[in-house]
Amino acid sequence: PLALVTKACPDLALFADAEIGHWTHLVHAADKVRPMIGISADAWHQACAVMGHEQAATTVAAILQRAAHINNPGGYLRALTRRAEQAAFSPGPMIMALLKAA
């Protein structure tokens, strides 16, 4: 659910144009922040094509939240996208881990 994502990834709200109250707001904020953390347009579009916009945005939000611990956010998103292509990745566990760490 969106409420869990925004609770686990509060840093994304700093880049949102308004309160993140709908999935489209989350997607827009993720697209806005992604170049700031080193995720190319190509990596973003590929992630959206494979995962869907909402899951790609959730993944970017989680990457942003852990940006201090991720050396190459763009490469990490590409790796997660490849895993998603093989049905071996879902952002849900990332979100749950962030909630537990908070």
N, C-alpha and C. Protein backbone atom coordinates (compact mmCIF):
# COMPACT_ATOMS: atom_id res chain seq x y z
N PRO A 1 0.82 -1.21 0.00
CA PRO A 1 0.00 0.00 0.00
C PRO A 1 0.87 1.28 0.00
N LEU A 2 0.34 2.30 -0.59
CA LEU A 2 1.06 3.57 -0.70
C LEU A 2 1.47 4.11 0.67
N ALA A 3 0.61 3.99 1.66
CA ALA A 3 0.92 4.51 2.99
C ALA A 3 2.17 3.85 3.58
N LEU A 4 2.36 2.57 3.33
CA LEU A 4 3.56 1.89 3.81
C LEU A 4 4.80 2.40 3.09
N VAL A 5 4.68 2.63 1.80
CA VAL A 5 5.81 3.13 1.02
C VAL A 5 6.22 4.51 1.53
N THR A 6 5.26 5.40 1.72
CA THR A 6 5.60 6.76 2.17
C THR A 6 6.12 6.76 3.61
N LYS A 7 5.66 5.82 4.42
CA LYS A 7 6.17 5.72 5.79
C LYS A 7 7.60 5.18 5.78
N ALA A 8 7.87 4.20 4.94
CA ALA A 8 9.20 3.60 4.88
C ALA A 8 10.22 4.49 4.18
N CYS A 9 9.73 5.35 3.28
CA CYS A 9 10.61 6.18 2.46
C CYS A 9 10.25 7.66 2.57
N PRO A 10 10.38 8.23 3.75
CA PRO A 10 9.97 9.63 3.94
C PRO A 10 10.81 10.65 3.17
N ASP A 11 12.03 10.29 2.78
CA ASP A 11 12.88 11.24 2.06
C ASP A 11 12.30 11.65 0.72
N LEU A 12 11.54 10.78 0.09
CA LEU A 12 10.96 11.10 -1.22
C LEU A 12 10.02 12.30 -1.13
N ALA A 13 9.34 12.45 0.00
CA ALA A 13 8.39 13.56 0.17
C ALA A 13 9.09 14.92 0.04
N LEU A 14 10.38 14.96 0.33
CA LEU A 14 11.13 16.21 0.20
C LEU A 14 11.21 16.70 -1.24
N PHE A 15 11.02 15.79 -2.18
CA PHE A 15 11.13 16.12 -3.60
C PHE A 15 9.78 16.16 -4.31
N ALA A 16 8.72 15.89 -3.58
CA ALA A 16 7.37 15.88 -4.18
C ALA A 16 6.84 17.31 -4.29
N ASP A 17 6.06 17.55 -5.33
CA ASP A 17 5.45 18.87 -5.52
C ASP A 17 4.31 19.12 -4.54
N ALA A 18 3.73 18.04 -4.06
CA ALA A 18 2.62 18.11 -3.10
C ALA A 18 2.68 16.84 -2.25
N GLU A 19 1.79 16.74 -1.30
CA GLU A 19 1.73 15.54 -0.47
C GLU A 19 1.54 14.31 -1.36
N ILE A 20 2.24 13.25 -1.05
CA ILE A 20 2.11 12.02 -1.84
C ILE A 20 0.88 11.28 -1.34
N GLY A 21 -0.22 11.55 -1.98
CA GLY A 21 -1.50 10.95 -1.59
C GLY A 21 -2.05 9.99 -2.63
N HIS A 22 -1.35 9.83 -3.72
CA HIS A 22 -1.79 8.95 -4.80
C HIS A 22 -0.54 8.39 -5.47
N TRP A 23 -0.69 7.22 -6.08
CA TRP A 23 0.44 6.58 -6.74
C TRP A 23 1.06 7.48 -7.83
N THR A 24 0.25 8.26 -8.52
CA THR A 24 0.81 9.13 -9.55
C THR A 24 1.74 10.17 -8.94
N HIS A 25 1.46 10.62 -7.73
CA HIS A 25 2.35 11.56 -7.04
C HIS A 25 3.68 10.89 -6.72
N LEU A 26 3.63 9.63 -6.30
CA LEU A 26 4.84 8.88 -5.99
C LEU A 26 5.68 8.71 -7.26
N VAL A 27 5.03 8.34 -8.35
CA VAL A 27 5.74 8.14 -9.62
C VAL A 27 6.39 9.45 -10.06
N HIS A 28 5.67 10.54 -9.97
CA HIS A 28 6.21 11.84 -10.37
C HIS A 28 7.41 12.22 -9.51
N ALA A 29 7.30 12.03 -8.20
CA ALA A 29 8.40 12.38 -7.30
C ALA A 29 9.62 11.50 -7.57
N ALA A 30 9.41 10.23 -7.83
CA ALA A 30 10.52 9.33 -8.13
C ALA A 30 11.21 9.73 -9.42
N ASP A 31 10.43 10.09 -10.42
CA ASP A 31 11.00 10.53 -11.69
C ASP A 31 11.78 11.83 -11.51
N LYS A 32 11.31 12.67 -10.62
CA LYS A 32 11.98 13.95 -10.36
C LYS A 32 13.30 13.74 -9.64
N VAL A 33 13.35 12.82 -8.68
CA VAL A 33 14.55 12.63 -7.86
C VAL A 33 15.58 11.72 -8.54
N ARG A 34 15.17 10.88 -9.44
CA ARG A 34 16.07 9.87 -9.99
C ARG A 34 17.33 10.44 -10.62
N PRO A 35 17.29 11.56 -11.38
CA PRO A 35 18.57 12.05 -11.92
C PRO A 35 19.48 12.62 -10.82
N MET A 36 18.89 13.07 -9.73
CA MET A 36 19.68 13.63 -8.63
C MET A 36 20.50 12.57 -7.91
N ILE A 37 20.05 11.32 -7.99
CA ILE A 37 20.78 10.25 -7.31
C ILE A 37 21.52 9.35 -8.30
N GLY A 38 21.57 9.76 -9.56
CA GLY A 38 22.37 9.03 -10.53
C GLY A 38 21.66 7.93 -11.29
N ILE A 39 20.35 8.04 -11.42
CA ILE A 39 19.59 7.06 -12.20
C ILE A 39 19.22 7.72 -13.53
N SER A 40 19.69 7.13 -14.61
CA SER A 40 19.46 7.70 -15.94
C SER A 40 18.01 7.52 -16.37
N ALA A 41 17.62 8.33 -17.35
CA ALA A 41 16.27 8.20 -17.93
C ALA A 41 16.08 6.81 -18.51
N ASP A 42 17.12 6.27 -19.14
CA ASP A 42 17.02 4.93 -19.74
C ASP A 42 16.77 3.86 -18.68
N ALA A 43 17.52 3.92 -17.58
CA ALA A 43 17.32 2.94 -16.50
C ALA A 43 15.91 3.06 -15.92
N TRP A 44 15.43 4.30 -15.75
CA TRP A 44 14.09 4.54 -15.22
C TRP A 44 13.02 3.99 -16.16
N HIS A 45 13.15 4.28 -17.45
CA HIS A 45 12.15 3.81 -18.42
C HIS A 45 12.14 2.29 -18.52
N GLN A 46 13.32 1.69 -18.45
CA GLN A 46 13.38 0.23 -18.49
C GLN A 46 12.73 -0.36 -17.24
N ALA A 47 13.00 0.22 -16.09
CA ALA A 47 12.38 -0.27 -14.85
C ALA A 47 10.86 -0.14 -14.91
N CYS A 48 10.38 0.98 -15.43
CA CYS A 48 8.92 1.18 -15.56
C CYS A 48 8.32 0.17 -16.52
N ALA A 49 9.02 -0.12 -17.61
CA ALA A 49 8.51 -1.08 -18.59
C ALA A 49 8.44 -2.49 -18.01
N VAL A 50 9.42 -2.85 -17.20
CA VAL A 50 9.47 -4.21 -16.66
C VAL A 50 8.61 -4.35 -15.41
N MET A 51 8.73 -3.40 -14.49
CA MET A 51 8.05 -3.52 -13.19
C MET A 51 6.69 -2.85 -13.15
N GLY A 52 6.48 -1.90 -14.03
CA GLY A 52 5.31 -1.04 -13.93
C GLY A 52 5.74 0.23 -13.20
N HIS A 53 5.04 1.32 -13.45
CA HIS A 53 5.42 2.62 -12.89
C HIS A 53 5.41 2.64 -11.36
N GLU A 54 4.39 2.05 -10.76
CA GLU A 54 4.27 2.10 -9.30
C GLU A 54 5.38 1.33 -8.61
N GLN A 55 5.68 0.14 -9.10
CA GLN A 55 6.75 -0.65 -8.47
C GLN A 55 8.11 -0.04 -8.75
N ALA A 56 8.31 0.52 -9.95
CA ALA A 56 9.58 1.19 -10.24
C ALA A 56 9.76 2.40 -9.33
N ALA A 57 8.70 3.17 -9.13
CA ALA A 57 8.76 4.33 -8.25
C ALA A 57 9.01 3.91 -6.81
N THR A 58 8.40 2.84 -6.38
CA THR A 58 8.63 2.32 -5.03
C THR A 58 10.10 1.92 -4.87
N THR A 59 10.64 1.29 -5.89
CA THR A 59 12.04 0.87 -5.85
C THR A 59 12.96 2.08 -5.78
N VAL A 60 12.68 3.10 -6.58
CA VAL A 60 13.50 4.32 -6.54
C VAL A 60 13.39 4.99 -5.18
N ALA A 61 12.20 5.02 -4.60
CA ALA A 61 12.02 5.61 -3.27
C ALA A 61 12.87 4.86 -2.24
N ALA A 62 12.90 3.55 -2.33
CA ALA A 62 13.70 2.75 -1.41
C ALA A 62 15.20 2.99 -1.64
N ILE A 63 15.59 3.10 -2.89
CA ILE A 63 16.99 3.40 -3.21
C ILE A 63 17.37 4.76 -2.64
N LEU A 64 16.50 5.75 -2.80
CA LEU A 64 16.75 7.07 -2.25
C LEU A 64 16.92 7.00 -0.73
N GLN A 65 16.06 6.25 -0.10
CA GLN A 65 16.09 6.16 1.36
C GLN A 65 17.41 5.56 1.85
N ARG A 66 17.99 4.70 1.06
CA ARG A 66 19.25 4.04 1.44
C ARG A 66 20.42 4.55 0.60
N ALA A 67 20.28 5.72 0.00
CA ALA A 67 21.28 6.24 -0.93
C ALA A 67 22.69 6.31 -0.32
N ALA A 68 22.79 6.58 0.96
CA ALA A 68 24.10 6.67 1.61
C ALA A 68 24.83 5.33 1.61
N HIS A 69 24.09 4.25 1.42
CA HIS A 69 24.67 2.91 1.46
C HIS A 69 24.78 2.26 0.09
N ILE A 70 24.38 2.98 -0.96
CA ILE A 70 24.37 2.43 -2.31
C ILE A 70 25.35 3.22 -3.16
N ASN A 71 26.40 2.55 -3.63
CA ASN A 71 27.44 3.22 -4.40
C ASN A 71 27.00 3.65 -5.79
N ASN A 72 26.16 2.86 -6.44
CA ASN A 72 25.75 3.12 -7.81
C ASN A 72 24.24 2.91 -7.95
N PRO A 73 23.43 3.90 -7.60
CA PRO A 73 21.97 3.72 -7.65
C PRO A 73 21.45 3.32 -9.03
N GLY A 74 22.03 3.89 -10.09
CA GLY A 74 21.58 3.54 -11.44
C GLY A 74 21.87 2.08 -11.76
N GLY A 75 23.06 1.64 -11.43
CA GLY A 75 23.42 0.24 -11.65
C GLY A 75 22.58 -0.70 -10.79
N TYR A 76 22.30 -0.27 -9.58
CA TYR A 76 21.47 -1.08 -8.68
C TYR A 76 20.06 -1.23 -9.25
N LEU A 77 19.49 -0.11 -9.74
CA LEU A 77 18.16 -0.19 -10.34
C LEU A 77 18.17 -1.11 -11.55
N ARG A 78 19.20 -1.02 -12.38
CA ARG A 78 19.30 -1.91 -13.55
C ARG A 78 19.38 -3.38 -13.12
N ALA A 79 20.15 -3.66 -12.07
CA ALA A 79 20.25 -5.04 -11.57
C ALA A 79 18.91 -5.54 -11.05
N LEU A 80 18.20 -4.68 -10.32
CA LEU A 80 16.88 -5.07 -9.81
C LEU A 80 15.89 -5.25 -10.95
N THR A 81 16.02 -4.44 -11.99
CA THR A 81 15.14 -4.58 -13.17
C THR A 81 15.39 -5.92 -13.86
N ARG A 82 16.65 -6.31 -13.99
CA ARG A 82 16.96 -7.62 -14.58
C ARG A 82 16.37 -8.74 -13.74
N ARG A 83 16.45 -8.61 -12.42
CA ARG A 83 15.85 -9.62 -11.55
C ARG A 83 14.33 -9.63 -11.70
N ALA A 84 13.73 -8.46 -11.85
CA ALA A 84 12.27 -8.39 -12.03
C ALA A 84 11.85 -9.04 -13.34
N GLU A 85 12.68 -8.93 -14.36
CA GLU A 85 12.37 -9.58 -15.64
C GLU A 85 12.25 -11.10 -15.47
N GLN A 86 12.97 -11.63 -14.50
CA GLN A 86 12.95 -13.07 -14.24
C GLN A 86 12.01 -13.42 -13.09
N ALA A 87 11.16 -12.47 -12.73
CA ALA A 87 10.21 -12.64 -11.62
C ALA A 87 10.93 -12.98 -10.32
N ALA A 88 12.14 -12.41 -10.14
CA ALA A 88 12.93 -12.68 -8.94
C ALA A 88 13.08 -11.44 -8.07
N PHE A 89 12.29 -10.40 -8.32
CA PHE A 89 12.37 -9.19 -7.51
C PHE A 89 11.00 -8.56 -7.36
N SER A 90 10.73 -8.09 -6.15
CA SER A 90 9.57 -7.28 -5.83
C SER A 90 10.05 -6.27 -4.80
N PRO A 91 9.60 -5.01 -4.88
CA PRO A 91 10.07 -4.03 -3.90
C PRO A 91 9.48 -4.21 -2.50
N GLY A 92 8.50 -5.05 -2.35
CA GLY A 92 7.86 -5.25 -1.05
C GLY A 92 8.83 -5.57 0.07
N PRO A 93 9.73 -6.54 -0.09
CA PRO A 93 10.68 -6.83 0.98
C PRO A 93 11.61 -5.65 1.31
N MET A 94 11.96 -4.84 0.31
CA MET A 94 12.78 -3.65 0.57
C MET A 94 12.03 -2.70 1.49
N ILE A 95 10.75 -2.50 1.20
CA ILE A 95 9.92 -1.59 2.00
C ILE A 95 9.78 -2.11 3.42
N MET A 96 9.54 -3.40 3.56
CA MET A 96 9.39 -3.98 4.89
C MET A 96 10.69 -3.87 5.69
N ALA A 97 11.83 -4.05 5.03
CA ALA A 97 13.12 -3.91 5.71
C ALA A 97 13.33 -2.47 6.17
N LEU A 98 12.94 -1.51 5.35
CA LEU A 98 13.07 -0.10 5.74
C LEU A 98 12.17 0.21 6.93
N LEU A 99 10.98 -0.34 6.94
CA LEU A 99 10.06 -0.12 8.06
C LEU A 99 10.63 -0.69 9.36
N LYS A 100 11.22 -1.86 9.26
CA LYS A 100 11.80 -2.49 10.45
C LYS A 100 13.00 -1.71 10.97
N ALA A 101 13.75 -1.12 10.05
CA ALA A 101 14.95 -0.37 10.43
C ALA A 101 14.62 0.99 11.04
N ALA A 102 13.43 1.49 10.76
CA ALA A 102 13.05 2.82 11.23
C ALA A 102 12.78 2.87 12.72
